Amino acid sequence: EVLSSFWRDDPNLTARARLLLAEQYKTAGKVDNALDALDGIATLTGPRGEPTLEALYRRGLLLEQAGLIKEALTTYRQLEQLAGQNSDWLRSARNRIRELQSQMPPDSTSQQASP
């Protein structure tokens, strides 16, 4: 991959470049390419690295944009598990989870059966 070959010795710089590339793809309406650019950032900076947490949040937003709400919720829950307790990423993930859950129809399995 082009980005890795340029900044192989600096994983944080490579991760930041991937975040910028994802933003450019998103702006161009290329959601799949943007998602691909975000993939692998955790490998570069670790599961709790700042770029990883940002990539997960952006991935959730892209999935929402693509109408993949369940996948977005899964991504935000993953972010919620990785982010520190007093993290802005934790608050952001929880806000998106609440917002998305409020937009979803009630789960039919949670309704009580009539007598």
PDB file of N, CA and C in Angstrom:
ATOM      1  N   GLU A   1       0.833  -1.189   0.000  1.00  0.00           N
ATOM      2  CA  GLU A   1       0.000   0.000   0.000  1.00  0.00           C
ATOM      3  C   GLU A   1       0.871   1.243   0.000  1.00  0.00           C
ATOM      4  N   VAL A   2       0.445   2.259  -0.712  1.00  0.00           N
ATOM      5  CA  VAL A   2       1.234   3.472  -0.899  1.00  0.00           C
ATOM      6  C   VAL A   2       1.533   4.163   0.424  1.00  0.00           C
ATOM      7  N   LEU A   3       0.530   4.365   1.274  1.00  0.00           N
ATOM      8  CA  LEU A   3       0.757   5.091   2.518  1.00  0.00           C
ATOM      9  C   LEU A   3       1.748   4.376   3.414  1.00  0.00           C
ATOM     10  N   SER A   4       1.641   3.080   3.538  1.00  0.00           N
ATOM     11  CA  SER A   4       2.538   2.318   4.394  1.00  0.00           C
ATOM     12  C   SER A   4       3.976   2.392   3.896  1.00  0.00           C
ATOM     13  N   SER A   5       4.159   2.397   2.596  1.00  0.00           N
ATOM     14  CA  SER A   5       5.519   2.426   2.071  1.00  0.00           C
ATOM     15  C   SER A   5       6.208   3.759   2.361  1.00  0.00           C
ATOM     16  N   PHE A   6       5.452   4.845   2.413  1.00  0.00           N
ATOM     17  CA  PHE A   6       6.055   6.144   2.693  1.00  0.00           C
ATOM     18  C   PHE A   6       6.384   6.342   4.163  1.00  0.00           C
ATOM     19  N   TRP A   7       5.505   5.905   5.057  1.00  0.00           N
ATOM     20  CA  TRP A   7       5.668   6.202   6.475  1.00  0.00           C
ATOM     21  C   TRP A   7       5.769   4.952   7.335  1.00  0.00           C
ATOM     22  N   ARG A   8       6.349   3.955   6.809  1.00  0.00           N
ATOM     23  CA  ARG A   8       6.454   2.672   7.491  1.00  0.00           C
ATOM     24  C   ARG A   8       7.109   2.812   8.862  1.00  0.00           C
ATOM     25  N   ASP A   9       8.079   3.719   9.021  1.00  0.00           N
ATOM     26  CA  ASP A   9       8.794   3.864  10.286  1.00  0.00           C
ATOM     27  C   ASP A   9       8.032   4.676  11.325  1.00  0.00           C
ATOM     28  N   ASP A  10       6.955   5.311  10.936  1.00  0.00           N
ATOM     29  CA  ASP A  10       6.176   6.120  11.878  1.00  0.00           C
ATOM     30  C   ASP A  10       4.711   5.720  11.789  1.00  0.00           C
ATOM     31  N   PRO A  11       4.308   4.729  12.605  1.00  0.00           N
ATOM     32  CA  PRO A  11       2.930   4.238  12.512  1.00  0.00           C
ATOM     33  C   PRO A  11       1.875   5.302  12.815  1.00  0.00           C
ATOM     34  N   ASN A  12       2.178   6.232  13.711  1.00  0.00           N
ATOM     35  CA  ASN A  12       1.202   7.283  14.012  1.00  0.00           C
ATOM     36  C   ASN A  12       0.991   8.201  12.819  1.00  0.00           C
ATOM     37  N   LEU A  13       2.054   8.508  12.119  1.00  0.00           N
ATOM     38  CA  LEU A  13       1.940   9.355  10.931  1.00  0.00           C
ATOM     39  C   LEU A  13       1.173   8.626   9.830  1.00  0.00           C
ATOM     40  N   THR A  14       1.441   7.339   9.673  1.00  0.00           N
ATOM     41  CA  THR A  14       0.707   6.542   8.691  1.00  0.00           C
ATOM     42  C   THR A  14      -0.777   6.504   9.041  1.00  0.00           C
ATOM     43  N   ALA A  15      -1.073   6.320  10.330  1.00  0.00           N
ATOM     44  CA  ALA A  15      -2.473   6.291  10.770  1.00  0.00           C
ATOM     45  C   ALA A  15      -3.154   7.625  10.487  1.00  0.00           C
ATOM     46  N   ARG A  16      -2.477   8.724  10.782  1.00  0.00           N
ATOM     47  CA  ARG A  16      -3.049  10.058  10.518  1.00  0.00           C
ATOM     48  C   ARG A  16      -3.280  10.260   9.020  1.00  0.00           C
ATOM     49  N   ALA A  17      -2.350   9.786   8.209  1.00  0.00           N
ATOM     50  CA  ALA A  17      -2.515   9.901   6.752  1.00  0.00           C
ATOM     51  C   ALA A  17      -3.735   9.106   6.294  1.00  0.00           C
ATOM     52  N   ARG A  18      -3.935   7.930   6.883  1.00  0.00           N
ATOM     53  CA  ARG A  18      -5.106   7.114   6.524  1.00  0.00           C
ATOM     54  C   ARG A  18      -6.403   7.814   6.935  1.00  0.00           C
ATOM     55  N   LEU A  19      -6.389   8.483   8.088  1.00  0.00           N
ATOM     56  CA  LEU A  19      -7.571   9.239   8.516  1.00  0.00           C
ATOM     57  C   LEU A  19      -7.871  10.368   7.529  1.00  0.00           C
ATOM     58  N   LEU A  20      -6.831  11.062   7.091  1.00  0.00           N
ATOM     59  CA  LEU A  20      -7.018  12.137   6.109  1.00  0.00           C
ATOM     60  C   LEU A  20      -7.517  11.594   4.774  1.00  0.00           C
ATOM     61  N   LEU A  21      -6.964  10.472   4.359  1.00  0.00           N
ATOM     62  CA  LEU A  21      -7.403   9.856   3.113  1.00  0.00           C
ATOM     63  C   LEU A  21      -8.874   9.448   3.208  1.00  0.00           C
ATOM     64  N   ALA A  22      -9.253   8.873   4.335  1.00  0.00           N
ATOM     65  CA  ALA A  22     -10.659   8.481   4.537  1.00  0.00           C
ATOM     66  C   ALA A  22     -11.572   9.690   4.438  1.00  0.00           C
ATOM     67  N   GLU A  23     -11.144  10.803   4.998  1.00  0.00           N
ATOM     68  CA  GLU A  23     -11.950  12.030   4.932  1.00  0.00           C
ATOM     69  C   GLU A  23     -12.106  12.503   3.486  1.00  0.00           C
ATOM     70  N   GLN A  24     -11.045  12.409   2.705  1.00  0.00           N
ATOM     71  CA  GLN A  24     -11.110  12.801   1.303  1.00  0.00           C
ATOM     72  C   GLN A  24     -12.059  11.888   0.516  1.00  0.00           C
ATOM     73  N   TYR A  25     -11.973  10.593   0.775  1.00  0.00           N
ATOM     74  CA  TYR A  25     -12.891   9.661   0.123  1.00  0.00           C
ATOM     75  C   TYR A  25     -14.338   9.957   0.516  1.00  0.00           C
ATOM     76  N   LYS A  26     -14.556  10.229   1.783  1.00  0.00           N
ATOM     77  CA  LYS A  26     -15.910  10.542   2.254  1.00  0.00           C
ATOM     78  C   LYS A  26     -16.437  11.783   1.532  1.00  0.00           C
ATOM     79  N   THR A  27     -15.618  12.812   1.432  1.00  0.00           N
ATOM     80  CA  THR A  27     -16.006  14.048   0.758  1.00  0.00           C
ATOM     81  C   THR A  27     -16.350  13.782  -0.710  1.00  0.00           C
ATOM     82  N   ALA A  28     -15.640  12.841  -1.317  1.00  0.00           N
ATOM     83  CA  ALA A  28     -15.881  12.495  -2.726  1.00  0.00           C
ATOM     84  C   ALA A  28     -17.043  11.516  -2.884  1.00  0.00           C
ATOM     85  N   GLY A  29     -17.664  11.120  -1.757  1.00  0.00           N
ATOM     86  CA  GLY A  29     -18.795  10.202  -1.816  1.00  0.00           C
ATOM     87  C   GLY A  29     -18.400   8.744  -1.986  1.00  0.00           C
ATOM     88  N   LYS A  30     -17.155   8.429  -1.747  1.00  0.00           N
ATOM     89  CA  LYS A  30     -16.656   7.053  -1.900  1.00  0.00           C
ATOM     90  C   LYS A  30     -16.556   6.388  -0.530  1.00  0.00           C
ATOM     91  N   VAL A  31     -17.718   5.998  -0.007  1.00  0.00           N
ATOM     92  CA  VAL A  31     -17.803   5.466   1.344  1.00  0.00           C
ATOM     93  C   VAL A  31     -17.003   4.176   1.491  1.00  0.00           C
ATOM     94  N   ASP A  32     -17.092   3.270   0.523  1.00  0.00           N
ATOM     95  CA  ASP A  32     -16.341   2.015   0.611  1.00  0.00           C
ATOM     96  C   ASP A  32     -14.841   2.259   0.686  1.00  0.00           C
ATOM     97  N   ASN A  33     -14.351   3.179  -0.126  1.00  0.00           N
ATOM     98  CA  ASN A  33     -12.923   3.509  -0.088  1.00  0.00           C
ATOM     99  C   ASN A  33     -12.545   4.139   1.249  1.00  0.00           C
ATOM    100  N   ALA A  34     -13.422   4.968   1.776  1.00  0.00           N
ATOM    101  CA  ALA A  34     -13.164   5.598   3.071  1.00  0.00           C
ATOM    102  C   ALA A  34     -13.078   4.533   4.165  1.00  0.00           C
ATOM    103  N   LEU A  35     -14.000   3.576   4.127  1.00  0.00           N
ATOM    104  CA  LEU A  35     -13.960   2.489   5.113  1.00  0.00           C
ATOM    105  C   LEU A  35     -12.672   1.683   4.976  1.00  0.00           C
ATOM    106  N   ASP A  36     -12.268   1.416   3.749  1.00  0.00           N
ATOM    107  CA  ASP A  36     -11.019   0.680   3.514  1.00  0.00           C
ATOM    108  C   ASP A  36      -9.817   1.442   4.072  1.00  0.00           C
ATOM    109  N   ALA A  37      -9.804   2.756   3.925  1.00  0.00           N
ATOM    110  CA  ALA A  37      -8.685   3.557   4.426  1.00  0.00           C
ATOM    111  C   ALA A  37      -8.599   3.498   5.949  1.00  0.00           C
ATOM    112  N   LEU A  38      -9.748   3.339   6.609  1.00  0.00           N
ATOM    113  CA  LEU A  38      -9.763   3.274   8.069  1.00  0.00           C
ATOM    114  C   LEU A  38      -9.337   1.906   8.600  1.00  0.00           C
ATOM    115  N   ASP A  39      -9.518   0.884   7.782  1.00  0.00           N
ATOM    116  CA  ASP A  39      -9.142  -0.467   8.207  1.00  0.00           C
ATOM    117  C   ASP A  39      -7.639  -0.543   8.447  1.00  0.00           C
ATOM    118  N   GLY A  40      -7.262  -1.240   9.476  1.00  0.00           N
ATOM    119  CA  GLY A  40      -5.851  -1.461   9.752  1.00  0.00           C
ATOM    120  C   GLY A  40      -5.194  -0.424  10.638  1.00  0.00           C
ATOM    121  N   ILE A  41      -5.895   0.621  10.986  1.00  0.00           N
ATOM    122  CA  ILE A  41      -5.291   1.643  11.843  1.00  0.00           C
ATOM    123  C   ILE A  41      -4.971   1.067  13.225  1.00  0.00           C
ATOM    124  N   ALA A  42      -5.819   0.188  13.724  1.00  0.00           N
ATOM    125  CA  ALA A  42      -5.557  -0.432  15.031  1.00  0.00           C
ATOM    126  C   ALA A  42      -4.261  -1.236  15.014  1.00  0.00           C
ATOM    127  N   THR A  43      -3.959  -1.839  13.884  1.00  0.00           N
ATOM    128  CA  THR A  43      -2.709  -2.590  13.753  1.00  0.00           C
ATOM    129  C   THR A  43      -1.508  -1.656  13.868  1.00  0.00           C
ATOM    130  N   LEU A  44      -1.667  -0.448  13.392  1.00  0.00           N
ATOM    131  CA  LEU A  44      -0.575   0.526  13.420  1.00  0.00           C
ATOM    132  C   LEU A  44      -0.365   1.131  14.800  1.00  0.00           C
ATOM    133  N   THR A  45      -1.456   1.491  15.483  1.00  0.00           N
ATOM    134  CA  THR A  45      -1.326   2.283  16.716  1.00  0.00           C
ATOM    135  C   THR A  45      -1.843   1.575  17.960  1.00  0.00           C
ATOM    136  N   GLY A  46      -2.267   0.318  17.816  1.00  0.00           N
ATOM    137  CA  GLY A  46      -2.782  -0.419  18.963  1.00  0.00           C
ATOM    138  C   GLY A  46      -4.265  -0.179  19.149  1.00  0.00           C
ATOM    139  N   PRO A  47      -4.942  -1.091  19.868  1.00  0.00           N
ATOM    140  CA  PRO A  47      -6.398  -1.016  19.987  1.00  0.00           C
ATOM    141  C   PRO A  47      -6.914   0.197  20.756  1.00  0.00           C
ATOM    142  N   ARG A  48      -6.065   0.792  21.589  1.00  0.00           N
ATOM    143  CA  ARG A  48      -6.521   1.946  22.366  1.00  0.00           C
ATOM    144  C   ARG A  48      -5.811   3.241  21.965  1.00  0.00           C
ATOM    145  N   GLY A  49      -5.094   3.195  20.860  1.00  0.00           N
ATOM    146  CA  GLY A  49      -4.410   4.394  20.381  1.00  0.00           C
ATOM    147  C   GLY A  49      -5.421   5.433  19.923  1.00  0.00           C
ATOM    148  N   GLU A  50      -5.056   6.678  20.070  1.00  0.00           N
ATOM    149  CA  GLU A  50      -5.950   7.783  19.691  1.00  0.00           C
ATOM    150  C   GLU A  50      -6.416   7.677  18.234  1.00  0.00           C
ATOM    151  N   PRO A  51      -5.510   7.390  17.278  1.00  0.00           N
ATOM    152  CA  PRO A  51      -5.975   7.248  15.896  1.00  0.00           C
ATOM    153  C   PRO A  51      -6.962   6.086  15.720  1.00  0.00           C
ATOM    154  N   THR A  52      -6.767   5.018  16.482  1.00  0.00           N
ATOM    155  CA  THR A  52      -7.682   3.874  16.401  1.00  0.00           C
ATOM    156  C   THR A  52      -9.073   4.265  16.862  1.00  0.00           C
ATOM    157  N   LEU A  53      -9.143   4.973  17.972  1.00  0.00           N
ATOM    158  CA  LEU A  53     -10.440   5.391  18.505  1.00  0.00           C
ATOM    159  C   LEU A  53     -11.134   6.354  17.536  1.00  0.00           C
ATOM    160  N   GLU A  54     -10.362   7.264  16.976  1.00  0.00           N
ATOM    161  CA  GLU A  54     -10.924   8.190  15.989  1.00  0.00           C
ATOM    162  C   GLU A  54     -11.410   7.438  14.747  1.00  0.00           C
ATOM    163  N   ALA A  55     -10.635   6.449  14.318  1.00  0.00           N
ATOM    164  CA  ALA A  55     -11.020   5.658  13.139  1.00  0.00           C
ATOM    165  C   ALA A  55     -12.323   4.902  13.394  1.00  0.00           C
ATOM    166  N   LEU A  56     -12.483   4.358  14.587  1.00  0.00           N
ATOM    167  CA  LEU A  56     -13.728   3.659  14.906  1.00  0.00           C
ATOM    168  C   LEU A  56     -14.914   4.612  14.885  1.00  0.00           C
ATOM    169  N   TYR A  57     -14.744   5.797  15.443  1.00  0.00           N
ATOM    170  CA  TYR A  57     -15.836   6.773  15.439  1.00  0.00           C
ATOM    171  C   TYR A  57     -16.204   7.165  14.004  1.00  0.00           C
ATOM    172  N   ARG A  58     -15.188   7.456  13.207  1.00  0.00           N
ATOM    173  CA  ARG A  58     -15.449   7.825  11.808  1.00  0.00           C
ATOM    174  C   ARG A  58     -16.087   6.665  11.043  1.00  0.00           C
ATOM    175  N   ARG A  59     -15.653   5.435  11.345  1.00  0.00           N
ATOM    176  CA  ARG A  59     -16.234   4.253  10.700  1.00  0.00           C
ATOM    177  C   ARG A  59     -17.726   4.172  11.027  1.00  0.00           C
ATOM    178  N   GLY A  60     -18.079   4.421  12.284  1.00  0.00           N
ATOM    179  CA  GLY A  60     -19.485   4.417  12.670  1.00  0.00           C
ATOM    180  C   GLY A  60     -20.283   5.451  11.894  1.00  0.00           C
ATOM    181  N   LEU A  61     -19.735   6.638  11.767  1.00  0.00           N
ATOM    182  CA  LEU A  61     -20.430   7.694  11.024  1.00  0.00           C
ATOM    183  C   LEU A  61     -20.617   7.313   9.553  1.00  0.00           C
ATOM    184  N   LEU A  62     -19.579   6.720   8.968  1.00  0.00           N
ATOM    185  CA  LEU A  62     -19.680   6.290   7.564  1.00  0.00           C
ATOM    186  C   LEU A  62     -20.725   5.194   7.397  1.00  0.00           C
ATOM    187  N   LEU A  63     -20.761   4.269   8.322  1.00  0.00           N
ATOM    188  CA  LEU A  63     -21.755   3.196   8.251  1.00  0.00           C
ATOM    189  C   LEU A  63     -23.162   3.764   8.388  1.00  0.00           C
ATOM    190  N   GLU A  64     -23.324   4.746   9.262  1.00  0.00           N
ATOM    191  CA  GLU A  64     -24.624   5.424   9.374  1.00  0.00           C
ATOM    192  C   GLU A  64     -25.000   6.056   8.039  1.00  0.00           C
ATOM    193  N   GLN A  65     -24.054   6.762   7.448  1.00  0.00           N
ATOM    194  CA  GLN A  65     -24.280   7.440   6.162  1.00  0.00           C
ATOM    195  C   GLN A  65     -24.706   6.430   5.100  1.00  0.00           C
ATOM    196  N   ALA A  66     -24.150   5.226   5.171  1.00  0.00           N
ATOM    197  CA  ALA A  66     -24.480   4.184   4.197  1.00  0.00           C
ATOM    198  C   ALA A  66     -25.768   3.452   4.558  1.00  0.00           C
ATOM    199  N   GLY A  67     -26.395   3.839   5.675  1.00  0.00           N
ATOM    200  CA  GLY A  67     -27.644   3.209   6.083  1.00  0.00           C
ATOM    201  C   GLY A  67     -27.452   1.882   6.796  1.00  0.00           C
ATOM    202  N   LEU A  68     -26.247   1.579   7.208  1.00  0.00           N
ATOM    203  CA  LEU A  68     -25.942   0.323   7.891  1.00  0.00           C
ATOM    204  C   LEU A  68     -25.937   0.560   9.400  1.00  0.00           C
ATOM    205  N   ILE A  69     -27.132   0.753   9.931  1.00  0.00           N
ATOM    206  CA  ILE A  69     -27.288   1.176  11.321  1.00  0.00           C
ATOM    207  C   ILE A  69     -26.808   0.116  12.307  1.00  0.00           C
ATOM    208  N   LYS A  70     -27.158  -1.142  12.092  1.00  0.00           N
ATOM    209  CA  LYS A  70     -26.717  -2.195  13.018  1.00  0.00           C
ATOM    210  C   LYS A  70     -25.196  -2.294  13.052  1.00  0.00           C
ATOM    211  N   GLU A  71     -24.563  -2.179  11.888  1.00  0.00           N
ATOM    212  CA  GLU A  71     -23.104  -2.218  11.820  1.00  0.00           C
ATOM    213  C   GLU A  71     -22.499  -1.006  12.516  1.00  0.00           C
ATOM    214  N   ALA A  72     -23.146   0.148  12.359  1.00  0.00           N
ATOM    215  CA  ALA A  72     -22.675   1.361  13.041  1.00  0.00           C
ATOM    216  C   ALA A  72     -22.762   1.179  14.552  1.00  0.00           C
ATOM    217  N   LEU A  73     -23.873   0.627  15.023  1.00  0.00           N
ATOM    218  CA  LEU A  73     -24.019   0.381  16.460  1.00  0.00           C
ATOM    219  C   LEU A  73     -22.929  -0.559  16.965  1.00  0.00           C
ATOM    220  N   THR A  74     -22.642  -1.596  16.213  1.00  0.00           N
ATOM    221  CA  THR A  74     -21.586  -2.537  16.602  1.00  0.00           C
ATOM    222  C   THR A  74     -20.244  -1.814  16.698  1.00  0.00           C
ATOM    223  N   THR A  75     -19.975  -0.938  15.750  1.00  0.00           N
ATOM    224  CA  THR A  75     -18.721  -0.182  15.753  1.00  0.00           C
ATOM    225  C   THR A  75     -18.653   0.752  16.951  1.00  0.00           C
ATOM    226  N   TYR A  76     -19.742   1.448  17.245  1.00  0.00           N
ATOM    227  CA  TYR A  76     -19.753   2.351  18.402  1.00  0.00           C
ATOM    228  C   TYR A  76     -19.605   1.571  19.710  1.00  0.00           C
ATOM    229  N   ARG A  77     -20.174   0.387  19.767  1.00  0.00           N
ATOM    230  CA  ARG A  77     -20.026  -0.441  20.980  1.00  0.00           C
ATOM    231  C   ARG A  77     -18.581  -0.904  21.145  1.00  0.00           C
ATOM    232  N   GLN A  78     -17.931  -1.198  20.037  1.00  0.00           N
ATOM    233  CA  GLN A  78     -16.518  -1.562  20.092  1.00  0.00           C
ATOM    234  C   GLN A  78     -15.699  -0.376  20.603  1.00  0.00           C
ATOM    235  N   LEU A  79     -15.993   0.806  20.095  1.00  0.00           N
ATOM    236  CA  LEU A  79     -15.322   2.020  20.551  1.00  0.00           C
ATOM    237  C   LEU A  79     -15.576   2.229  22.041  1.00  0.00           C
ATOM    238  N   GLU A  80     -16.803   2.009  22.457  1.00  0.00           N
ATOM    239  CA  GLU A  80     -17.184   2.167  23.858  1.00  0.00           C
ATOM    240  C   GLU A  80     -16.334   1.250  24.752  1.00  0.00           C
ATOM    241  N   GLN A  81     -16.074   0.043  24.297  1.00  0.00           N
ATOM    242  CA  GLN A  81     -15.281  -0.914  25.080  1.00  0.00           C
ATOM    243  C   GLN A  81     -13.809  -0.531  25.149  1.00  0.00           C
ATOM    244  N   LEU A  82     -13.296   0.084  24.096  1.00  0.00           N
ATOM    245  CA  LEU A  82     -11.873   0.402  24.038  1.00  0.00           C
ATOM    246  C   LEU A  82     -11.514   1.749  24.658  1.00  0.00           C
ATOM    247  N   ALA A  83     -12.444   2.689  24.622  1.00  0.00           N
ATOM    248  CA  ALA A  83     -12.160   4.050  25.100  1.00  0.00           C
ATOM    249  C   ALA A  83     -12.078   4.078  26.625  1.00  0.00           C
ATOM    250  N   GLY A  84     -11.245   4.959  27.140  1.00  0.00           N
ATOM    251  CA  GLY A  84     -11.130   5.135  28.583  1.00  0.00           C
ATOM    252  C   GLY A  84     -12.400   5.742  29.172  1.00  0.00           C
ATOM    253  N   GLN A  85     -12.577   5.554  30.451  1.00  0.00           N
ATOM    254  CA  GLN A  85     -13.810   5.975  31.125  1.00  0.00           C
ATOM    255  C   GLN A  85     -14.089   7.475  31.023  1.00  0.00           C
ATOM    256  N   ASN A  86     -13.081   8.293  31.030  1.00  0.00           N
ATOM    257  CA  ASN A  86     -13.310   9.743  30.953  1.00  0.00           C
ATOM    258  C   ASN A  86     -12.936  10.299  29.586  1.00  0.00           C
ATOM    259  N   SER A  87     -13.106   9.474  28.584  1.00  0.00           N
ATOM    260  CA  SER A  87     -12.698   9.834  27.236  1.00  0.00           C
ATOM    261  C   SER A  87     -13.810  10.548  26.473  1.00  0.00           C
ATOM    262  N   ASP A  88     -13.406  11.498  25.655  1.00  0.00           N
ATOM    263  CA  ASP A  88     -14.369  12.137  24.747  1.00  0.00           C
ATOM    264  C   ASP A  88     -14.919  11.115  23.759  1.00  0.00           C
ATOM    265  N   TRP A  89     -14.078  10.140  23.373  1.00  0.00           N
ATOM    266  CA  TRP A  89     -14.536   9.102  22.441  1.00  0.00           C
ATOM    267  C   TRP A  89     -15.623   8.259  23.072  1.00  0.00           C
ATOM    268  N   LEU A  90     -15.518   7.974  24.359  1.00  0.00           N
ATOM    269  CA  LEU A  90     -16.547   7.206  25.052  1.00  0.00           C
ATOM    270  C   LEU A  90     -17.867   7.975  25.051  1.00  0.00           C
ATOM    271  N   ARG A  91     -17.806   9.247  25.378  1.00  0.00           N
ATOM    272  CA  ARG A  91     -19.019  10.074  25.373  1.00  0.00           C
ATOM    273  C   ARG A  91     -19.616  10.169  23.972  1.00  0.00           C
ATOM    274  N   SER A  92     -18.763  10.349  22.983  1.00  0.00           N
ATOM    275  CA  SER A  92     -19.244  10.438  21.601  1.00  0.00           C
ATOM    276  C   SER A  92     -19.905   9.139  21.155  1.00  0.00           C
ATOM    277  N   ALA A  93     -19.279   8.018  21.471  1.00  0.00           N
ATOM    278  CA  ALA A  93     -19.846   6.715  21.099  1.00  0.00           C
ATOM    279  C   ALA A  93     -21.194   6.514  21.775  1.00  0.00           C
ATOM    280  N   ARG A  94     -21.276   6.814  23.050  1.00  0.00           N
ATOM    281  CA  ARG A  94     -22.542   6.636  23.769  1.00  0.00           C
ATOM    282  C   ARG A  94     -23.628   7.554  23.237  1.00  0.00           C
ATOM    283  N   ASN A  95     -23.265   8.761  22.857  1.00  0.00           N
ATOM    284  CA  ASN A  95     -24.249   9.676  22.262  1.00  0.00           C
ATOM    285  C   ASN A  95     -24.795   9.116  20.952  1.00  0.00           C
ATOM    286  N   ARG A  96     -23.909   8.582  20.097  1.00  0.00           N
ATOM    287  CA  ARG A  96     -24.365   8.008  18.827  1.00  0.00           C
ATOM    288  C   ARG A  96     -25.226   6.773  19.066  1.00  0.00           C
ATOM    289  N   ILE A  97     -24.842   5.937  20.029  1.00  0.00           N
ATOM    290  CA  ILE A  97     -25.634   4.737  20.341  1.00  0.00           C
ATOM    291  C   ILE A  97     -27.038   5.143  20.770  1.00  0.00           C
ATOM    292  N   ARG A  98     -27.126   6.111  21.677  1.00  0.00           N
ATOM    293  CA  ARG A  98     -28.449   6.577  22.133  1.00  0.00           C
ATOM    294  C   ARG A  98     -29.270   7.130  20.976  1.00  0.00           C
ATOM    295  N   GLU A  99     -28.641   7.934  20.146  1.00  0.00           N
ATOM    296  CA  GLU A  99     -29.338   8.549  19.014  1.00  0.00           C
ATOM    297  C   GLU A  99     -29.854   7.476  18.058  1.00  0.00           C
ATOM    298  N   LEU A 100     -29.017   6.524  17.719  1.00  0.00           N
ATOM    299  CA  LEU A 100     -29.426   5.479  16.776  1.00  0.00           C
ATOM    300  C   LEU A 100     -30.500   4.580  17.367  1.00  0.00           C
ATOM    301  N   GLN A 101     -30.359   4.239  18.634  1.00  0.00           N
ATOM    302  CA  GLN A 101     -31.365   3.386  19.259  1.00  0.00           C
ATOM    303  C   GLN A 101     -32.720   4.085  19.342  1.00  0.00           C
ATOM    304  N   SER A 102     -32.705   5.398  19.508  1.00  0.00           N
ATOM    305  CA  SER A 102     -33.971   6.127  19.561  1.00  0.00           C
ATOM    306  C   SER A 102     -34.659   6.170  18.202  1.00  0.00           C
ATOM    307  N   GLN A 103     -33.896   5.991  17.126  1.00  0.00           N
ATOM    308  CA  GLN A 103     -34.454   6.013  15.776  1.00  0.00           C
ATOM    309  C   GLN A 103     -34.929   4.642  15.302  1.00  0.00           C
ATOM    310  N   MET A 104     -34.513   3.595  15.999  1.00  0.00           N
ATOM    311  CA  MET A 104     -34.857   2.241  15.576  1.00  0.00           C
ATOM    312  C   MET A 104     -36.239   1.853  16.080  1.00  0.00           C
ATOM    313  N   PRO A 105     -36.983   1.079  15.286  1.00  0.00           N
ATOM    314  CA  PRO A 105     -38.281   0.598  15.759  1.00  0.00           C
ATOM    315  C   PRO A 105     -38.070  -0.371  16.917  1.00  0.00           C
ATOM    316  N   PRO A 106     -39.051  -0.465  17.802  1.00  0.00           N
ATOM    317  CA  PRO A 106     -38.924  -1.388  18.927  1.00  0.00           C
ATOM    318  C   PRO A 106     -38.701  -2.807  18.424  1.00  0.00           C
ATOM    319  N   ASP A 107     -37.843  -3.523  19.101  1.00  0.00           N
ATOM    320  CA  ASP A 107     -37.547  -4.913  18.741  1.00  0.00           C
ATOM    321  C   ASP A 107     -38.771  -5.766  19.039  1.00  0.00           C
ATOM    322  N   SER A 108     -39.206  -6.524  18.070  1.00  0.00           N
ATOM    323  CA  SER A 108     -40.420  -7.323  18.257  1.00  0.00           C
ATOM    324  C   SER A 108     -40.222  -8.411  19.301  1.00  0.00           C
ATOM    325  N   THR A 109     -38.980  -8.803  19.545  1.00  0.00           N
ATOM    326  CA  THR A 109     -38.744  -9.845  20.557  1.00  0.00           C
ATOM    327  C   THR A 109     -38.860  -9.290  21.966  1.00  0.00           C
ATOM    328  N   SER A 110     -38.805  -7.973  22.105  1.00  0.00           N
ATOM    329  CA  SER A 110     -38.906  -7.383  23.449  1.00  0.00           C
ATOM    330  C   SER A 110     -40.344  -7.081  23.835  1.00  0.00           C
ATOM    331  N   GLN A 111     -41.271  -7.254  22.913  1.00  0.00           N
ATOM    332  CA  GLN A 111     -42.679  -7.006  23.227  1.00  0.00           C
ATOM    333  C   GLN A 111     -43.261  -8.214  23.942  1.00  0.00           C
ATOM    334  N   GLN A 112     -44.102  -7.932  24.882  1.00  0.00           N
ATOM    335  CA  GLN A 112     -44.729  -9.023  25.620  1.00  0.00           C
ATOM    336  C   GLN A 112     -45.812  -9.677  24.767  1.00  0.00           C
ATOM    337  N   ALA A 113     -45.917 -10.962  24.931  1.00  0.00           N
ATOM    338  CA  ALA A 113     -46.976 -11.693  24.214  1.00  0.00           C
ATOM    339  C   ALA A 113     -48.314 -11.382  24.881  1.00  0.00           C
ATOM    340  N   SER A 114     -49.355 -11.289  24.075  1.00  0.00           N
ATOM    341  CA  SER A 114     -50.676 -11.007  24.654  1.00  0.00           C
ATOM    342  C   SER A 114     -51.260 -12.288  25.243  1.00  0.00           C
ATOM    343  N   PRO A 115     -51.989 -12.151  26.345  1.00  0.00           N
ATOM    344  CA  PRO A 115     -52.551 -13.335  27.026  1.00  0.00           C
ATOM    345  C   PRO A 115     -53.630 -14.009  26.240  1.00  0.00           C
TER     346      PRO A 115
END
